Amino acid sequence: MVDRDVVSWTAVIDGYLEDGTMEEGFALFLVLMRLKIRPSDFTFTGVLNACADHVAEDLGEQVHSNMTRIRFDPLSFAASALVHMYSKCETIQNAKRAFKWMPRPDLVSWTSLIVAKCSKWSTK
């Protein structure tokens, strides 16, 4: 493609992530960021969900840092994916911080936080 926009980048990144070739998907996401192409809700959500599925908290923290740096909308569904990622990685404090950052947490973020807290209690 001559003109690559965020939609085409997101499609390829998601393709890698869904195909199980995580390293390629994550590497492509980092290229997108280096090129200063602003990720969409879909881009962030796909990468954060892959981080959650593979307990890749380090990369998830990098994504969170990028979201903060570009002043990403806390009302977006990607903000819920952030809470979900931290919850799945069992970093409850970070999940709570991300949750508090949201002006109006949605059902996904509430559920992610509740499940994370319940699973933490059940392991004690």
C-alpha atoms as a PDB file:
ATOM      1  CA  MET A   1       0.000   0.000   0.000  1.00  0.00           C
ATOM      2  CA  VAL A   2       1.181   3.475  -0.811  1.00  0.00           C
ATOM      3  CA  ASP A   3      -1.035   5.299   1.685  1.00  0.00           C
ATOM      4  CA  ARG A   4      -1.163   3.481   4.999  1.00  0.00           C
ATOM      5  CA  ASP A   5      -3.623   4.946   7.450  1.00  0.00           C
ATOM      6  CA  VAL A   6      -4.485   3.888  10.989  1.00  0.00           C
ATOM      7  CA  VAL A   7      -7.229   1.587   9.680  1.00  0.00           C
ATOM      8  CA  SER A   8      -4.849  -0.423   7.493  1.00  0.00           C
ATOM      9  CA  TRP A   9      -2.212  -0.538  10.259  1.00  0.00           C
ATOM     10  CA  THR A  10      -4.815  -1.732  12.765  1.00  0.00           C
ATOM     11  CA  ALA A  11      -6.089  -4.430  10.402  1.00  0.00           C
ATOM     12  CA  VAL A  12      -2.610  -5.866   9.889  1.00  0.00           C
ATOM     13  CA  ILE A  13      -1.705  -5.632  13.593  1.00  0.00           C
ATOM     14  CA  ASP A  14      -4.971  -7.347  14.590  1.00  0.00           C
ATOM     15  CA  GLY A  15      -4.380 -10.003  11.946  1.00  0.00           C
ATOM     16  CA  TYR A  16      -1.038 -10.876  13.500  1.00  0.00           C
ATOM     17  CA  LEU A  17      -2.440 -10.821  17.031  1.00  0.00           C
ATOM     18  CA  GLU A  18      -5.431 -12.995  16.156  1.00  0.00           C
ATOM     19  CA  ASP A  19      -3.245 -15.411  14.198  1.00  0.00           C
ATOM     20  CA  GLY A  20      -1.106 -15.983  17.283  1.00  0.00           C
ATOM     21  CA  THR A  21       1.995 -14.295  15.886  1.00  0.00           C
ATOM     22  CA  MET A  22       2.154 -11.947  18.821  1.00  0.00           C
ATOM     23  CA  GLU A  23       5.732 -10.760  18.388  1.00  0.00           C
ATOM     24  CA  GLU A  24       5.031  -9.548  14.849  1.00  0.00           C
ATOM     25  CA  GLY A  25       1.822  -7.801  15.918  1.00  0.00           C
ATOM     26  CA  PHE A  26       3.472  -6.081  18.860  1.00  0.00           C
ATOM     27  CA  ALA A  27       6.499  -5.113  16.747  1.00  0.00           C
ATOM     28  CA  LEU A  28       4.235  -3.591  14.107  1.00  0.00           C
ATOM     29  CA  PHE A  29       2.396  -1.627  16.800  1.00  0.00           C
ATOM     30  CA  LEU A  30       5.718  -0.194  17.968  1.00  0.00           C
ATOM     31  CA  VAL A  31       6.552   0.799  14.364  1.00  0.00           C
ATOM     32  CA  LEU A  32       3.176   2.558  14.148  1.00  0.00           C
ATOM     33  CA  MET A  33       4.017   4.520  17.279  1.00  0.00           C
ATOM     34  CA  ARG A  34       7.514   5.414  16.027  1.00  0.00           C
ATOM     35  CA  LEU A  35       5.973   6.738  12.808  1.00  0.00           C
ATOM     36  CA  LYS A  36       3.787   8.989  14.993  1.00  0.00           C
ATOM     37  CA  ILE A  37       0.556   7.641  13.545  1.00  0.00           C
ATOM     38  CA  ARG A  38      -2.129   8.147  16.177  1.00  0.00           C
ATOM     39  CA  PRO A  39      -3.667   4.782  17.089  1.00  0.00           C
ATOM     40  CA  SER A  40      -7.448   4.511  17.162  1.00  0.00           C
ATOM     41  CA  ASP A  41      -9.633   2.992  19.880  1.00  0.00           C
ATOM     42  CA  PHE A  42      -9.581  -0.215  17.860  1.00  0.00           C
ATOM     43  CA  THR A  43      -5.777  -0.254  17.653  1.00  0.00           C
ATOM     44  CA  PHE A  44      -5.294   0.234  21.385  1.00  0.00           C
ATOM     45  CA  THR A  45      -8.077  -2.194  22.286  1.00  0.00           C
ATOM     46  CA  GLY A  46      -6.698  -4.969  20.081  1.00  0.00           C
ATOM     47  CA  VAL A  47      -3.187  -4.637  21.458  1.00  0.00           C
ATOM     48  CA  LEU A  48      -4.344  -4.314  25.079  1.00  0.00           C
ATOM     49  CA  ASN A  49      -6.601  -7.365  24.766  1.00  0.00           C
ATOM     50  CA  ALA A  50      -3.691  -9.362  23.333  1.00  0.00           C
ATOM     51  CA  CYS A  51      -1.545  -8.185  26.262  1.00  0.00           C
ATOM     52  CA  ALA A  52      -4.284  -9.346  28.635  1.00  0.00           C
ATOM     53  CA  ASP A  53      -4.608 -12.739  26.921  1.00  0.00           C
ATOM     54  CA  HIS A  54      -0.863 -13.329  27.076  1.00  0.00           C
ATOM     55  CA  VAL A  55      -0.227 -11.590  30.415  1.00  0.00           C
ATOM     56  CA  ALA A  56       2.189  -9.230  28.671  1.00  0.00           C
ATOM     57  CA  GLU A  57       2.046  -6.495  31.275  1.00  0.00           C
ATOM     58  CA  ASP A  58       5.320  -4.846  30.220  1.00  0.00           C
ATOM     59  CA  LEU A  59       3.991  -4.155  26.731  1.00  0.00           C
ATOM     60  CA  GLY A  60       0.621  -3.183  28.206  1.00  0.00           C
ATOM     61  CA  GLU A  61       2.373  -0.580  30.340  1.00  0.00           C
ATOM     62  CA  GLN A  62       4.086   0.793  27.215  1.00  0.00           C
ATOM     63  CA  VAL A  63       0.689   1.042  25.515  1.00  0.00           C
ATOM     64  CA  HIS A  64      -0.700   2.804  28.601  1.00  0.00           C
ATOM     65  CA  SER A  65       2.230   5.218  28.532  1.00  0.00           C
ATOM     66  CA  ASN A  66       1.529   5.987  24.877  1.00  0.00           C
ATOM     67  CA  MET A  67      -2.155   6.525  25.640  1.00  0.00           C
ATOM     68  CA  THR A  68      -1.199   8.997  28.379  1.00  0.00           C
ATOM     69  CA  ARG A  69       1.379  10.762  26.207  1.00  0.00           C
ATOM     70  CA  ILE A  70      -1.064  11.416  23.374  1.00  0.00           C
ATOM     71  CA  ARG A  71      -3.812  12.326  25.849  1.00  0.00           C
ATOM     72  CA  PHE A  72      -6.129   9.559  24.803  1.00  0.00           C
ATOM     73  CA  ASP A  73      -9.830  10.010  25.538  1.00  0.00           C
ATOM     74  CA  PRO A  74     -10.686   8.413  28.901  1.00  0.00           C
ATOM     75  CA  LEU A  75     -14.275   7.964  27.667  1.00  0.00           C
ATOM     76  CA  SER A  76     -13.164   5.586  24.912  1.00  0.00           C
ATOM     77  CA  PHE A  77     -13.678   1.845  25.015  1.00  0.00           C
ATOM     78  CA  ALA A  78      -9.881   1.497  24.876  1.00  0.00           C
ATOM     79  CA  ALA A  79      -9.830   2.843  28.449  1.00  0.00           C
ATOM     80  CA  SER A  80     -11.911  -0.182  29.471  1.00  0.00           C
ATOM     81  CA  ALA A  81      -9.435  -2.444  27.668  1.00  0.00           C
ATOM     82  CA  LEU A  82      -6.711  -0.887  29.803  1.00  0.00           C
ATOM     83  CA  VAL A  83      -8.547  -1.806  33.023  1.00  0.00           C
ATOM     84  CA  HIS A  84      -9.119  -5.295  31.607  1.00  0.00           C
ATOM     85  CA  MET A  85      -5.442  -5.741  30.728  1.00  0.00           C
ATOM     86  CA  TYR A  86      -4.203  -4.749  34.185  1.00  0.00           C
ATOM     87  CA  SER A  87      -6.868  -6.937  35.797  1.00  0.00           C
ATOM     88  CA  LYS A  88      -5.873  -9.993  33.746  1.00  0.00           C
ATOM     89  CA  CYS A  89      -2.214  -9.327  34.572  1.00  0.00           C
ATOM     90  CA  GLU A  90      -3.267  -9.246  38.246  1.00  0.00           C
ATOM     91  CA  THR A  91      -1.940  -5.746  38.819  1.00  0.00           C
ATOM     92  CA  ILE A  92      -4.921  -4.565  40.826  1.00  0.00           C
ATOM     93  CA  GLN A  93      -3.431  -1.187  41.837  1.00  0.00           C
ATOM     94  CA  ASN A  94      -2.820  -0.251  38.185  1.00  0.00           C
ATOM     95  CA  ALA A  95      -6.283  -1.508  37.242  1.00  0.00           C
ATOM     96  CA  LYS A  96      -7.789   0.703  39.953  1.00  0.00           C
ATOM     97  CA  ARG A  97      -5.755   3.711  38.775  1.00  0.00           C
ATOM     98  CA  ALA A  98      -6.899   3.194  35.184  1.00  0.00           C
ATOM     99  CA  PHE A  99     -10.468   2.773  36.418  1.00  0.00           C
ATOM    100  CA  LYS A 100     -10.323   6.024  38.415  1.00  0.00           C
ATOM    101  CA  TRP A 101      -8.936   7.816  35.323  1.00  0.00           C
ATOM    102  CA  MET A 102     -12.226   7.078  33.522  1.00  0.00           C
ATOM    103  CA  PRO A 103     -14.844   9.806  34.119  1.00  0.00           C
ATOM    104  CA  ARG A 104     -17.691   7.333  33.505  1.00  0.00           C
ATOM    105  CA  PRO A 105     -16.571   3.698  33.824  1.00  0.00           C
ATOM    106  CA  ASP A 106     -18.620   1.335  31.669  1.00  0.00           C
ATOM    107  CA  LEU A 107     -19.833  -2.212  32.283  1.00  0.00           C
ATOM    108  CA  VAL A 108     -16.634  -3.740  30.889  1.00  0.00           C
ATOM    109  CA  SER A 109     -14.360  -1.760  33.202  1.00  0.00           C
ATOM    110  CA  TRP A 110     -16.567  -2.429  36.246  1.00  0.00           C
ATOM    111  CA  THR A 111     -16.667  -6.155  35.468  1.00  0.00           C
ATOM    112  CA  SER A 112     -12.914  -6.351  34.867  1.00  0.00           C
ATOM    113  CA  LEU A 113     -12.157  -4.690  38.180  1.00  0.00           C
ATOM    114  CA  ILE A 114     -14.672  -6.814  40.132  1.00  0.00           C
ATOM    115  CA  VAL A 115     -13.399 -10.071  38.599  1.00  0.00           C
ATOM    116  CA  ALA A 116      -9.801  -9.098  39.331  1.00  0.00           C
ATOM    117  CA  LYS A 117     -10.584  -8.328  42.960  1.00  0.00           C
ATOM    118  CA  CYS A 118     -12.597 -11.543  43.383  1.00  0.00           C
ATOM    119  CA  SER A 119      -9.845 -13.680  41.865  1.00  0.00           C
ATOM    120  CA  LYS A 120      -7.295 -12.039  44.142  1.00  0.00           C
ATOM    121  CA  TRP A 121      -9.432 -12.871  47.173  1.00  0.00           C
ATOM    122  CA  SER A 122      -9.939 -16.462  46.049  1.00  0.00           C
ATOM    123  CA  THR A 123      -6.182 -17.065  45.843  1.00  0.00           C
ATOM    124  CA  LYS A 124      -5.595 -16.033  49.458  1.00  0.00           C
END
